[in-house]
Amino acid sequence: MSIGILGTKVGMTQIFDQAGKAVPVTVIEAGPCHITQVKTEATDGYTAVQLGYGAIKEKNLSQPEKGHLAKSSAPFVRHLHEYRLADVSAYELGGSVKADIFTEGQIVDVTGTSIGKGFAGYQKRHNFARGPMSHGSKNHRQPGSTGAGTTPGRTYPGKKMAGRLGGTQTTSKKLTVIRVDSDRNLILVKGTVPGKSGALVNIIPARLVGGK
């Protein structure tokens, strides 16, 4: 697994490619992230790099959190995330990871918390088809049968039904990096990413199988 970076979703816009076509992109402020811990086989039993991101006031951190960050001389950060790596020799405690770890044309996965939409019905939540819309029909937007009337005579757990929609961790996979602005730590990826503007996102290189 390759190292990724934490960032903030700025919003969506569009840019024009060389052919003059409009390309929808999401702007992400990626990092800079501070290296708050480097884990090795000798000390932790596995190799990984921990990154910190997002400024926070000192009063909002506990004493153990402040002591942990002091070891790397990192500023007070809100978020910590760990990336497992096969080799951590290139990373030093107290260093930083910036948007320039990505290149234009690279394929990435972006993970975030989807926008919460509250209680939603069957069509909106699970994309169910509607029932007959003709006069006299009583199941325009109903789910149909939810289980047998006899044995076992109950609805199985996990049945797709109306309920809370969104507010869960979601990953948009295989997005193309359209542009990288190293000076402003901005990354433009084609398409949409989870979450509303200002939400925390995690960007990692996509795991491609067979080069696709």
Protein backbone atom coordinates (compact mmCIF):
# COMPACT_ATOMS: atom_id res chain seq x y z
CA MET A 1 0.00 0.00 0.00
CA SER A 2 1.23 3.50 -0.87
CA ILE A 3 1.00 6.50 1.36
CA GLY A 4 -1.95 8.82 0.89
CA ILE A 5 -2.89 12.21 2.23
CA LEU A 6 -5.69 13.82 4.21
CA GLY A 7 -7.45 16.85 2.85
CA THR A 8 -10.55 19.00 2.76
CA LYS A 9 -13.15 19.02 0.03
CA VAL A 10 -13.35 22.58 -1.28
CA GLY A 11 -16.15 22.11 -3.80
CA MET A 12 -16.87 21.34 -7.44
CA THR A 13 -16.19 23.27 -10.61
CA GLN A 14 -15.30 22.57 -14.21
CA ILE A 15 -12.24 23.00 -16.39
CA PHE A 16 -11.74 22.66 -20.12
CA ASP A 17 -9.37 20.11 -21.62
CA GLN A 18 -7.26 20.59 -24.73
CA ALA A 19 -10.16 19.50 -26.91
CA GLY A 20 -12.37 22.21 -25.42
CA LYS A 21 -14.60 19.78 -23.53
CA ALA A 22 -15.85 20.72 -20.07
CA VAL A 23 -14.59 18.32 -17.40
CA PRO A 24 -16.38 18.28 -14.00
CA VAL A 25 -13.81 18.25 -11.20
CA THR A 26 -13.73 18.30 -7.42
CA VAL A 27 -11.20 20.64 -5.81
CA ILE A 28 -9.48 19.17 -2.75
CA GLU A 29 -7.09 21.01 -0.44
CA ALA A 30 -4.67 18.16 0.22
CA GLY A 31 -2.43 18.63 3.24
CA PRO A 32 0.13 19.55 4.16
CA CYS A 33 0.09 16.64 6.60
CA HIS A 34 2.64 16.29 9.36
CA ILE A 35 4.34 12.96 10.06
CA THR A 36 3.43 12.36 13.69
CA GLN A 37 4.69 8.78 14.01
CA VAL A 38 6.78 6.28 12.07
CA LYS A 39 6.12 2.66 13.05
CA THR A 40 8.64 -0.12 12.44
CA GLU A 41 8.79 -3.87 12.91
CA ALA A 42 11.18 -3.47 15.84
CA THR A 43 9.00 -1.08 17.84
CA ASP A 44 5.44 -1.85 16.75
CA GLY A 45 5.47 -5.18 14.94
CA TYR A 46 4.58 -3.64 11.56
CA THR A 47 5.60 -0.72 9.36
CA ALA A 48 3.38 2.32 8.94
CA VAL A 49 3.37 6.11 8.82
CA GLN A 50 0.90 8.21 10.82
CA LEU A 51 -0.12 11.61 9.46
CA GLY A 52 -1.79 14.51 11.26
CA TYR A 53 -4.01 17.10 9.59
CA GLY A 54 -6.30 19.98 10.48
CA ALA A 55 -5.46 22.74 12.93
CA ILE A 56 -7.14 22.65 16.34
CA LYS A 57 -6.86 24.66 19.56
CA GLU A 58 -4.71 23.24 22.33
CA LYS A 59 -7.60 23.30 24.81
CA ASN A 60 -9.49 20.79 22.66
CA LEU A 61 -6.80 18.10 22.99
CA SER A 62 -6.23 15.75 25.89
CA GLN A 63 -2.88 15.51 27.67
CA PRO A 64 -2.01 12.16 26.01
CA GLU A 65 -2.78 13.63 22.58
CA LYS A 66 -0.62 16.68 23.23
CA GLY A 67 2.21 14.45 24.51
CA HIS A 68 1.98 12.28 21.40
CA LEU A 69 2.20 15.28 19.06
CA ALA A 70 5.07 16.80 21.06
CA LYS A 71 7.29 13.83 20.16
CA SER A 72 7.26 14.89 16.52
CA SER A 73 7.14 18.66 17.19
CA ALA A 74 3.94 18.69 15.14
CA PRO A 75 1.37 21.46 15.61
CA PHE A 76 -1.92 20.67 17.27
CA VAL A 77 -3.98 18.70 14.75
CA ARG A 78 -7.54 17.43 14.72
CA HIS A 79 -7.15 14.27 12.63
CA LEU A 80 -4.67 11.39 12.72
CA HIS A 81 -4.55 8.66 10.10
CA GLU A 82 -2.21 5.73 9.61
CA TYR A 83 -0.96 4.29 6.32
CA ARG A 84 0.64 0.87 6.27
CA LEU A 85 3.75 0.75 4.08
CA ALA A 86 6.22 -1.96 3.19
CA ASP A 87 9.14 0.46 3.59
CA VAL A 88 9.15 3.55 5.83
CA SER A 89 12.80 4.47 5.44
CA ALA A 90 11.96 7.48 3.27
CA TYR A 91 9.87 9.12 6.01
CA GLU A 92 11.18 10.97 9.04
CA LEU A 93 9.39 11.96 12.21
CA GLY A 94 8.44 15.62 12.05
CA GLY A 95 8.46 15.73 8.26
CA SER A 96 5.50 16.53 6.05
CA VAL A 97 3.55 15.09 3.14
CA LYS A 98 2.15 17.47 0.54
CA ALA A 99 -0.03 17.38 -2.55
CA ASP A 100 2.97 16.87 -4.81
CA ILE A 101 3.01 13.15 -3.99
CA PHE A 102 0.37 12.87 -6.73
CA THR A 103 0.82 13.49 -10.44
CA GLU A 104 -1.55 14.47 -13.22
CA GLY A 105 -3.22 11.44 -14.77
CA GLN A 106 -2.78 9.30 -11.66
CA ILE A 107 -5.72 7.13 -10.55
CA VAL A 108 -6.80 7.57 -6.91
CA ASP A 109 -9.48 6.48 -4.45
CA VAL A 110 -11.13 9.16 -2.29
CA THR A 111 -12.84 8.23 0.98
CA GLY A 112 -15.12 10.50 2.98
CA THR A 113 -18.41 10.67 4.86
CA SER A 114 -21.38 10.96 2.53
CA ILE A 115 -23.91 13.74 3.00
CA GLY A 116 -26.62 12.77 5.49
CA LYS A 117 -30.09 12.99 3.97
CA GLY A 118 -32.20 11.87 6.90
CA PHE A 119 -35.07 9.41 6.58
CA ALA A 120 -35.61 8.29 2.99
CA GLY A 121 -38.01 5.94 1.28
CA TYR A 122 -37.43 2.85 -0.79
CA GLN A 123 -36.97 4.55 -4.16
CA LYS A 124 -34.54 7.20 -2.98
CA ARG A 125 -32.58 4.99 -0.59
CA HIS A 126 -32.30 1.77 -2.64
CA ASN A 127 -33.37 2.85 -6.13
CA PHE A 128 -36.41 0.55 -6.08
CA ALA A 129 -38.79 0.70 -9.05
CA ARG A 130 -42.21 2.23 -8.47
CA GLY A 131 -45.40 0.26 -8.47
CA PRO A 132 -48.25 0.84 -10.95
CA MET A 133 -49.25 4.49 -11.17
CA SER A 134 -52.70 3.80 -12.58
CA HIS A 135 -55.90 4.76 -10.79
CA GLY A 136 -56.78 2.29 -8.06
CA SER A 137 -53.24 1.11 -7.40
CA LYS A 138 -52.28 1.29 -3.73
CA ASN A 139 -48.56 0.58 -3.94
CA HIS A 140 -47.10 3.47 -5.92
CA ARG A 141 -43.98 3.75 -3.76
CA GLN A 142 -44.34 0.76 -1.45
CA PRO A 143 -41.74 -2.05 -1.11
CA GLY A 144 -43.94 -5.04 -1.92
CA SER A 145 -43.51 -8.19 0.15
CA THR A 146 -40.99 -7.98 2.99
CA GLY A 147 -41.08 -11.63 3.99
CA ALA A 148 -43.09 -14.82 4.14
CA GLY A 149 -46.46 -14.80 5.90
CA THR A 150 -45.88 -18.26 7.30
CA THR A 151 -42.67 -19.91 8.55
CA PRO A 152 -40.39 -18.13 9.34
CA GLY A 153 -43.06 -15.43 9.49
CA ARG A 154 -40.72 -12.51 9.99
CA THR A 155 -38.59 -9.98 8.12
CA TYR A 156 -34.95 -10.99 7.89
CA PRO A 157 -32.29 -8.59 9.26
CA GLY A 158 -30.65 -6.58 6.51
CA LYS A 159 -33.77 -6.35 4.37
CA LYS A 160 -33.64 -3.26 2.19
CA MET A 161 -36.26 -0.93 3.61
CA ALA A 162 -36.87 2.76 4.20
CA GLY A 163 -34.56 4.37 6.74
CA ARG A 164 -31.66 6.69 7.31
CA LEU A 165 -29.77 7.61 4.14
CA GLY A 166 -26.20 8.90 3.97
CA GLY A 167 -23.84 9.89 6.76
CA THR A 168 -21.68 6.79 6.20
CA GLN A 169 -18.11 6.25 5.08
CA THR A 170 -18.03 6.01 1.31
CA THR A 171 -15.24 5.62 -1.24
CA SER A 172 -15.23 6.96 -4.79
CA LYS A 173 -12.88 4.66 -6.67
CA LYS A 174 -10.61 5.11 -9.67
CA LEU A 175 -10.83 8.87 -10.05
CA THR A 176 -8.36 10.58 -12.34
CA VAL A 177 -6.17 13.41 -11.04
CA ILE A 178 -6.67 16.21 -13.56
CA ARG A 179 -4.39 18.84 -12.04
CA VAL A 180 -2.02 19.31 -9.10
CA ASP A 181 -1.25 22.77 -7.71
CA SER A 182 1.73 22.21 -5.42
CA ASP A 183 1.99 25.88 -4.42
CA ARG A 184 -1.54 25.96 -2.97
CA ASN A 185 -1.73 22.25 -2.08
CA LEU A 186 -4.73 21.72 -4.33
CA ILE A 187 -5.69 18.58 -6.22
CA LEU A 188 -8.37 18.48 -8.91
CA VAL A 189 -9.93 15.06 -9.48
CA LYS A 190 -12.43 14.19 -12.18
CA GLY A 191 -15.95 13.57 -10.90
CA THR A 192 -17.48 13.73 -7.45
CA VAL A 193 -16.17 12.71 -4.04
CA PRO A 194 -18.18 11.94 -0.86
CA GLY A 195 -19.16 14.66 1.58
CA LYS A 196 -20.12 18.30 1.52
CA SER A 197 -17.76 21.23 1.07
CA GLY A 198 -15.40 21.45 4.04
CA ALA A 199 -15.56 17.73 4.79
CA LEU A 200 -12.50 15.62 5.56
CA VAL A 201 -11.38 13.26 2.80
CA ASN A 202 -8.64 10.66 2.49
CA ILE A 203 -6.87 10.29 -0.86
CA ILE A 204 -4.82 7.18 -1.66
CA PRO A 205 -3.42 5.77 -4.90
CA ALA A 206 -5.92 3.31 -6.37
CA ARG A 207 -5.16 -0.39 -6.24
CA LEU A 208 -5.18 -1.29 -9.90
CA VAL A 209 -5.46 -4.93 -10.94
CA GLY A 210 -3.86 -5.91 -14.23
CA GLY A 211 -2.94 -2.29 -14.93
CA LYS A 212 -6.61 -1.26 -15.34
